[in-house]
PDB file of N, CA and C in Angstrom:
ATOM      1  N   UNK A   1     122.620 104.150  93.789  1.00  0.00           N
ATOM      2  CA  UNK A   1     121.638 103.086  93.955  1.00  0.00           C
ATOM      3  C   UNK A   1     121.210 102.608  92.571  1.00  0.00           C
ATOM      4  N   UNK A   2     121.052 101.333  92.411  1.00  0.00           N
ATOM      5  CA  UNK A   2     120.527 100.790  91.168  1.00  0.00           C
ATOM      6  C   UNK A   2     119.553  99.680  91.484  1.00  0.00           C
ATOM      7  N   UNK A   3     118.583  99.525  90.606  1.00  0.00           N
ATOM      8  CA  UNK A   3     117.670  98.401  90.667  1.00  0.00           C
ATOM      9  C   UNK A   3     116.871  98.296  91.967  1.00  0.00           C
ATOM     10  N   UNK A   4     116.386  99.428  92.495  1.00  0.00           N
ATOM     11  CA  UNK A   4     115.492  99.391  93.642  1.00  0.00           C
ATOM     12  C   UNK A   4     114.128  98.897  93.201  1.00  0.00           C
ATOM     13  N   UNK A   5     113.278  98.569  94.167  1.00  0.00           N
ATOM     14  CA  UNK A   5     112.007  97.956  93.787  1.00  0.00           C
ATOM     15  C   UNK A   5     110.852  98.934  93.611  1.00  0.00           C
ATOM     16  N   UNK A   6     110.972 100.177  94.004  1.00  0.00           N
ATOM     17  CA  UNK A   6     109.941 101.162  93.730  1.00  0.00           C
ATOM     18  C   UNK A   6     108.749 101.161  94.660  1.00  0.00           C
ATOM     19  N   UNK A   7     108.767 100.358  95.729  1.00  0.00           N
ATOM     20  CA  UNK A   7     107.633 100.308  96.651  1.00  0.00           C
ATOM     21  C   UNK A   7     107.809 101.243  97.836  1.00  0.00           C
ATOM     22  N   UNK A   8     109.002 101.822  97.992  1.00  0.00           N
ATOM     23  CA  UNK A   8     109.313 102.704  99.111  1.00  0.00           C
ATOM     24  C   UNK A   8     109.482 104.133  98.595  1.00  0.00           C
ATOM     25  N   UNK A   9     108.607 105.044  99.034  1.00  0.00           N
ATOM     26  CA  UNK A   9     108.614 106.421  98.545  1.00  0.00           C
ATOM     27  C   UNK A   9     109.932 107.121  98.823  1.00  0.00           C
ATOM     28  N   UNK A  10     110.586 106.811  99.955  1.00  0.00           N
ATOM     29  CA  UNK A  10     111.833 107.465 100.331  1.00  0.00           C
ATOM     30  C   UNK A  10     112.958 107.192  99.330  1.00  0.00           C
ATOM     31  N   UNK A  11     112.869 106.113  98.572  1.00  0.00           N
ATOM     32  CA  UNK A  11     113.917 105.754  97.616  1.00  0.00           C
ATOM     33  C   UNK A  11     113.764 106.471  96.271  1.00  0.00           C
ATOM     34  N   UNK A  12     112.636 107.154  96.069  1.00  0.00           N
ATOM     35  CA  UNK A  12     112.335 107.775  94.782  1.00  0.00           C
ATOM     36  C   UNK A  12     112.324 109.291  94.943  1.00  0.00           C
ATOM     37  N   UNK A  13     113.052 109.968  94.056  1.00  0.00           N
ATOM     38  CA  UNK A  13     113.080 111.432  94.079  1.00  0.00           C
ATOM     39  C   UNK A  13     112.972 111.950  92.658  1.00  0.00           C
ATOM     40  N   UNK A  14     112.464 113.162  92.484  1.00  0.00           N
ATOM     41  CA  UNK A  14     112.473 113.747  91.132  1.00  0.00           C
ATOM     42  C   UNK A  14     113.891 113.721  90.573  1.00  0.00           C
ATOM     43  N   UNK A  15     114.004 113.345  89.317  1.00  0.00           N
ATOM     44  CA  UNK A  15     115.304 113.232  88.673  1.00  0.00           C
ATOM     45  C   UNK A  15     115.807 111.798  88.588  1.00  0.00           C
ATOM     46  N   UNK A  16     115.211 110.878  89.360  1.00  0.00           N
ATOM     47  CA  UNK A  16     115.590 109.462  89.290  1.00  0.00           C
ATOM     48  C   UNK A  16     115.147 108.879  87.942  1.00  0.00           C
ATOM     49  N   UNK A  17     115.958 108.006  87.399  1.00  0.00           N
ATOM     50  CA  UNK A  17     115.551 107.239  86.223  1.00  0.00           C
ATOM     51  C   UNK A  17     114.887 105.963  86.726  1.00  0.00           C
ATOM     52  N   UNK A  18     113.674 105.706  86.247  1.00  0.00           N
ATOM     53  CA  UNK A  18     112.899 104.566  86.716  1.00  0.00           C
ATOM     54  C   UNK A  18     112.234 103.845  85.550  1.00  0.00           C
ATOM     55  N   UNK A  19     111.779 102.636  85.831  1.00  0.00           N
ATOM     56  CA  UNK A  19     110.887 101.919  84.918  1.00  0.00           C
ATOM     57  C   UNK A  19     109.526 101.899  85.579  1.00  0.00           C
ATOM     58  N   UNK A  20     108.487 102.258  84.816  1.00  0.00           N
ATOM     59  CA  UNK A  20     107.128 102.252  85.346  1.00  0.00           C
ATOM     60  C   UNK A  20     106.255 101.294  84.550  1.00  0.00           C
ATOM     61  N   UNK A  21     105.155 100.901  85.174  1.00  0.00           N
ATOM     62  CA  UNK A  21     104.111 100.164  84.469  1.00  0.00           C
ATOM     63  C   UNK A  21     102.885 101.058  84.480  1.00  0.00           C
ATOM     64  N   UNK A  22     102.470 101.492  83.283  1.00  0.00           N
ATOM     65  CA  UNK A  22     101.290 102.349  83.162  1.00  0.00           C
ATOM     66  C   UNK A  22     100.030 101.504  83.382  1.00  0.00           C
ATOM     67  N   UNK A  23      98.940 102.145  83.782  1.00  0.00           N
ATOM     68  CA  UNK A  23      97.701 101.423  84.068  1.00  0.00           C
ATOM     69  C   UNK A  23      97.259 100.563  82.879  1.00  0.00           C
ATOM     70  N   UNK A  24      97.350 101.124  81.678  1.00  0.00           N
ATOM     71  CA  UNK A  24      96.912 100.382  80.495  1.00  0.00           C
ATOM     72  C   UNK A  24      97.851  99.228  80.136  1.00  0.00           C
ATOM     73  N   UNK A  25      99.035  99.190  80.738  1.00  0.00           N
ATOM     74  CA  UNK A  25      99.994  98.117  80.483  1.00  0.00           C
ATOM     75  C   UNK A  25     100.071  97.096  81.613  1.00  0.00           C
ATOM     76  N   UNK A  26      99.187  97.186  82.607  1.00  0.00           N
ATOM     77  CA  UNK A  26      99.260  96.296  83.767  1.00  0.00           C
ATOM     78  C   UNK A  26      99.106  94.832  83.394  1.00  0.00           C
ATOM     79  N   UNK A  27      98.229  94.514  82.456  1.00  0.00           N
ATOM     80  CA  UNK A  27      98.010  93.113  82.093  1.00  0.00           C
ATOM     81  C   UNK A  27      99.222  92.505  81.405  1.00  0.00           C
ATOM     82  N   UNK A  28      99.912  93.289  80.592  1.00  0.00           N
ATOM     83  CA  UNK A  28     101.076  92.783  79.869  1.00  0.00           C
ATOM     84  C   UNK A  28     102.371  93.040  80.634  1.00  0.00           C
ATOM     85  N   UNK A  29     102.311  93.891  81.661  1.00  0.00           N
ATOM     86  CA  UNK A  29     103.473  94.302  82.453  1.00  0.00           C
ATOM     87  C   UNK A  29     104.558  94.943  81.592  1.00  0.00           C
ATOM     88  N   UNK A  30     104.161  95.569  80.477  1.00  0.00           N
ATOM     89  CA  UNK A  30     105.100  96.316  79.639  1.00  0.00           C
ATOM     90  C   UNK A  30     105.619  97.505  80.439  1.00  0.00           C
ATOM     91  N   UNK A  31     106.927  97.691  80.426  1.00  0.00           N
ATOM     92  CA  UNK A  31     107.545  98.762  81.207  1.00  0.00           C
ATOM     93  C   UNK A  31     107.952  99.917  80.307  1.00  0.00           C
ATOM     94  N   UNK A  32     107.864 101.115  80.861  1.00  0.00           N
ATOM     95  CA  UNK A  32     108.322 102.323  80.183  1.00  0.00           C
ATOM     96  C   UNK A  32     109.391 102.952  81.056  1.00  0.00           C
ATOM     97  N   UNK A  33     110.444 103.480  80.441  1.00  0.00           N
ATOM     98  CA  UNK A  33     111.546 104.071  81.201  1.00  0.00           C
ATOM     99  C   UNK A  33     111.514 105.584  81.038  1.00  0.00           C
ATOM    100  N   UNK A  34     111.843 106.281  82.126  1.00  0.00           N
ATOM    101  CA  UNK A  34     111.908 107.730  82.057  1.00  0.00           C
ATOM    102  C   UNK A  34     112.434 108.323  83.341  1.00  0.00           C
ATOM    103  N   UNK A  35     112.401 109.659  83.402  1.00  0.00           N
ATOM    104  CA  UNK A  35     112.912 110.394  84.549  1.00  0.00           C
ATOM    105  C   UNK A  35     111.734 110.962  85.329  1.00  0.00           C
ATOM    106  N   UNK A  36     111.741 110.763  86.644  1.00  0.00           N
ATOM    107  CA  UNK A  36     110.649 111.201  87.514  1.00  0.00           C
ATOM    108  C   UNK A  36     110.580 112.725  87.555  1.00  0.00           C
ATOM    109  N   UNK A  37     109.377 113.250  87.275  1.00  0.00           N
ATOM    110  CA  UNK A  37     109.130 114.686  87.403  1.00  0.00           C
ATOM    111  C   UNK A  37     108.403 114.977  88.713  1.00  0.00           C
ATOM    112  N   UNK A  38     107.493 114.053  89.100  1.00  0.00           N
ATOM    113  CA  UNK A  38     106.651 114.293  90.274  1.00  0.00           C
ATOM    114  C   UNK A  38     106.232 112.962  90.888  1.00  0.00           C
ATOM    115  N   UNK A  39     106.220 112.916  92.217  1.00  0.00           N
ATOM    116  CA  UNK A  39     105.735 111.729  92.939  1.00  0.00           C
ATOM    117  C   UNK A  39     104.273 111.971  93.283  1.00  0.00           C
ATOM    118  N   UNK A  40     103.402 111.055  92.880  1.00  0.00           N
ATOM    119  CA  UNK A  40     101.963 111.235  93.063  1.00  0.00           C
ATOM    120  C   UNK A  40     101.401 110.506  94.276  1.00  0.00           C
ATOM    121  N   UNK A  41     102.067 109.462  94.743  1.00  0.00           N
ATOM    122  CA  UNK A  41     101.609 108.712  95.916  1.00  0.00           C
ATOM    123  C   UNK A  41     102.026 109.452  97.181  1.00  0.00           C
ATOM    124  N   UNK A  42     101.084 109.658  98.101  1.00  0.00           N
ATOM    125  CA  UNK A  42     101.390 110.359  99.350  1.00  0.00           C
ATOM    126  C   UNK A  42     101.892 109.440 100.447  1.00  0.00           C
ATOM    127  N   UNK A  43     101.489 108.179 100.456  1.00  0.00           N
ATOM    128  CA  UNK A  43     101.896 107.270 101.526  1.00  0.00           C
ATOM    129  C   UNK A  43     103.368 106.874 101.368  1.00  0.00           C
ATOM    130  N   UNK A  44     103.977 106.421 102.455  1.00  0.00           N
ATOM    131  CA  UNK A  44     105.412 106.110 102.438  1.00  0.00           C
ATOM    132  C   UNK A  44     105.733 104.825 101.670  1.00  0.00           C
ATOM    133  N   UNK A  45     104.770 103.906 101.580  1.00  0.00           N
ATOM    134  CA  UNK A  45     104.962 102.688 100.797  1.00  0.00           C
ATOM    135  C   UNK A  45     103.666 102.366 100.056  1.00  0.00           C
ATOM    136  N   UNK A  46     103.782 101.554  99.022  1.00  0.00           N
ATOM    137  CA  UNK A  46     102.602 101.060  98.307  1.00  0.00           C
ATOM    138  C   UNK A  46     102.939  99.691  97.748  1.00  0.00           C
ATOM    139  N   UNK A  47     102.064  98.726  97.973  1.00  0.00           N
ATOM    140  CA  UNK A  47     102.356  97.340  97.596  1.00  0.00           C
ATOM    141  C   UNK A  47     102.531  97.141  96.095  1.00  0.00           C
ATOM    142  N   UNK A  48     101.941  97.992  95.263  1.00  0.00           N
ATOM    143  CA  UNK A  48     102.062  97.843  93.811  1.00  0.00           C
ATOM    144  C   UNK A  48     103.082  98.801  93.210  1.00  0.00           C
ATOM    145  N   UNK A  49     103.718  99.614  94.038  1.00  0.00           N
ATOM    146  CA  UNK A  49     104.709 100.572  93.558  1.00  0.00           C
ATOM    147  C   UNK A  49     104.207 101.997  93.721  1.00  0.00           C
ATOM    148  N   UNK A  50     105.122 102.907  93.926  1.00  0.00           N
ATOM    149  CA  UNK A  50     104.800 104.320  94.096  1.00  0.00           C
ATOM    150  C   UNK A  50     104.400 104.899  92.740  1.00  0.00           C
ATOM    151  N   UNK A  51     103.304 105.659  92.700  1.00  0.00           N
ATOM    152  CA  UNK A  51     102.843 106.258  91.454  1.00  0.00           C
ATOM    153  C   UNK A  51     103.598 107.559  91.203  1.00  0.00           C
ATOM    154  N   UNK A  52     104.100 107.705  89.971  1.00  0.00           N
ATOM    155  CA  UNK A  52     104.869 108.890  89.597  1.00  0.00           C
ATOM    156  C   UNK A  52     104.431 109.405  88.231  1.00  0.00           C
ATOM    157  N   UNK A  53     104.774 110.670  87.968  1.00  0.00           N
ATOM    158  CA  UNK A  53     104.632 111.250  86.631  1.00  0.00           C
ATOM    159  C   UNK A  53     106.044 111.461  86.103  1.00  0.00           C
ATOM    160  N   UNK A  54     106.300 110.982  84.891  1.00  0.00           N
ATOM    161  CA  UNK A  54     107.604 111.160  84.271  1.00  0.00           C
ATOM    162  C   UNK A  54     107.664 112.503  83.559  1.00  0.00           C
ATOM    163  N   UNK A  55     108.872 112.935  83.210  1.00  0.00           N
ATOM    164  CA  UNK A  55     109.042 114.219  82.523  1.00  0.00           C
ATOM    165  C   UNK A  55     108.298 114.281  81.204  1.00  0.00           C
ATOM    166  N   UNK A  56     108.110 113.137  80.558  1.00  0.00           N
ATOM    167  CA  UNK A  56     107.394 113.126  79.273  1.00  0.00           C
ATOM    168  C   UNK A  56     105.874 113.052  79.449  1.00  0.00           C
ATOM    169  N   UNK A  57     105.392 113.072  80.714  1.00  0.00           N
ATOM    170  CA  UNK A  57     103.960 113.096  80.983  1.00  0.00           C
ATOM    171  C   UNK A  57     103.331 111.758  81.297  1.00  0.00           C
ATOM    172  N   UNK A  58     104.042 110.651  81.085  1.00  0.00           N
ATOM    173  CA  UNK A  58     103.490 109.334  81.397  1.00  0.00           C
ATOM    174  C   UNK A  58     103.317 109.177  82.904  1.00  0.00           C
ATOM    175  N   UNK A  59     102.245 108.491  83.300  1.00  0.00           N
ATOM    176  CA  UNK A  59     101.963 108.223  84.712  1.00  0.00           C
ATOM    177  C   UNK A  59     101.891 106.720  84.904  1.00  0.00           C
ATOM    178  N   UNK A  60     102.529 106.239  85.968  1.00  0.00           N
ATOM    179  CA  UNK A  60     102.483 104.811  86.270  1.00  0.00           C
ATOM    180  C   UNK A  60     103.136 104.522  87.601  1.00  0.00           C
ATOM    181  N   UNK A  61     103.133 103.250  87.964  1.00  0.00           N
ATOM    182  CA  UNK A  61     103.727 102.815  89.230  1.00  0.00           C
ATOM    183  C   UNK A  61     105.147 102.324  88.978  1.00  0.00           C
ATOM    184  N   UNK A  62     106.053 102.687  89.876  1.00  0.00           N
ATOM    185  CA  UNK A  62     107.469 102.352  89.710  1.00  0.00           C
ATOM    186  C   UNK A  62     107.662 100.844  89.882  1.00  0.00           C
ATOM    187  N   UNK A  63     108.235 100.229  88.854  1.00  0.00           N
ATOM    188  CA  UNK A  63     108.574  98.805  88.891  1.00  0.00           C
ATOM    189  C   UNK A  63     110.025  98.619  89.305  1.00  0.00           C
ATOM    190  N   UNK A  64     110.888  99.559  88.928  1.00  0.00           N
ATOM    191  CA  UNK A  64     112.314  99.476  89.266  1.00  0.00           C
ATOM    192  C   UNK A  64     112.937 100.854  89.220  1.00  0.00           C
ATOM    193  N   UNK A  65     113.884 101.080  90.135  1.00  0.00           N
ATOM    194  CA  UNK A  65     114.665 102.305  90.128  1.00  0.00           C
ATOM    195  C   UNK A  65     115.968 101.991  89.405  1.00  0.00           C
ATOM    196  N   UNK A  66     116.247 102.721  88.357  1.00  0.00           N
ATOM    197  CA  UNK A  66     117.439 102.451  87.545  1.00  0.00           C
ATOM    198  C   UNK A  66     118.638 103.228  88.046  1.00  0.00           C
ATOM    199  N   UNK A  67     118.440 104.527  88.355  1.00  0.00           N
ATOM    200  CA  UNK A  67     119.569 105.327  88.856  1.00  0.00           C
ATOM    201  C   UNK A  67     119.082 106.500  89.699  1.00  0.00           C
ATOM    202  N   UNK A  68     119.992 107.046  90.487  1.00  0.00           N
ATOM    203  CA  UNK A  68     119.720 108.207  91.341  1.00  0.00           C
ATOM    204  C   UNK A  68     119.509 109.455  90.483  1.00  0.00           C
ATOM    205  N   UNK A  69     119.019 110.542  91.121  1.00  0.00           N
ATOM    206  CA  UNK A  69     118.811 111.783  90.378  1.00  0.00           C
ATOM    207  C   UNK A  69     120.075 112.258  89.675  1.00  0.00           C
ATOM    208  N   UNK A  70     119.850 112.905  88.528  1.00  0.00           N
ATOM    209  CA  UNK A  70     120.964 113.440  87.725  1.00  0.00           C
ATOM    210  C   UNK A  70     121.678 114.544  88.459  1.00  0.00           C
TER     211      UNK A  70
END
């Protein structure tokens, strides 16, 4: 899978490479790329993107799914 939209929790798993928008970057929509360590959103969908924690500790909402788990 490539280039998913990040609003569906079922499409995101730990190990996926994603682009996120951190809370402090919402106004500029600056994206950060990393590998999902943990999914923080409990609901199955979220209109602004599923919230995740990346392996490097950054937290944000998924803007795009780049690749499946390693």
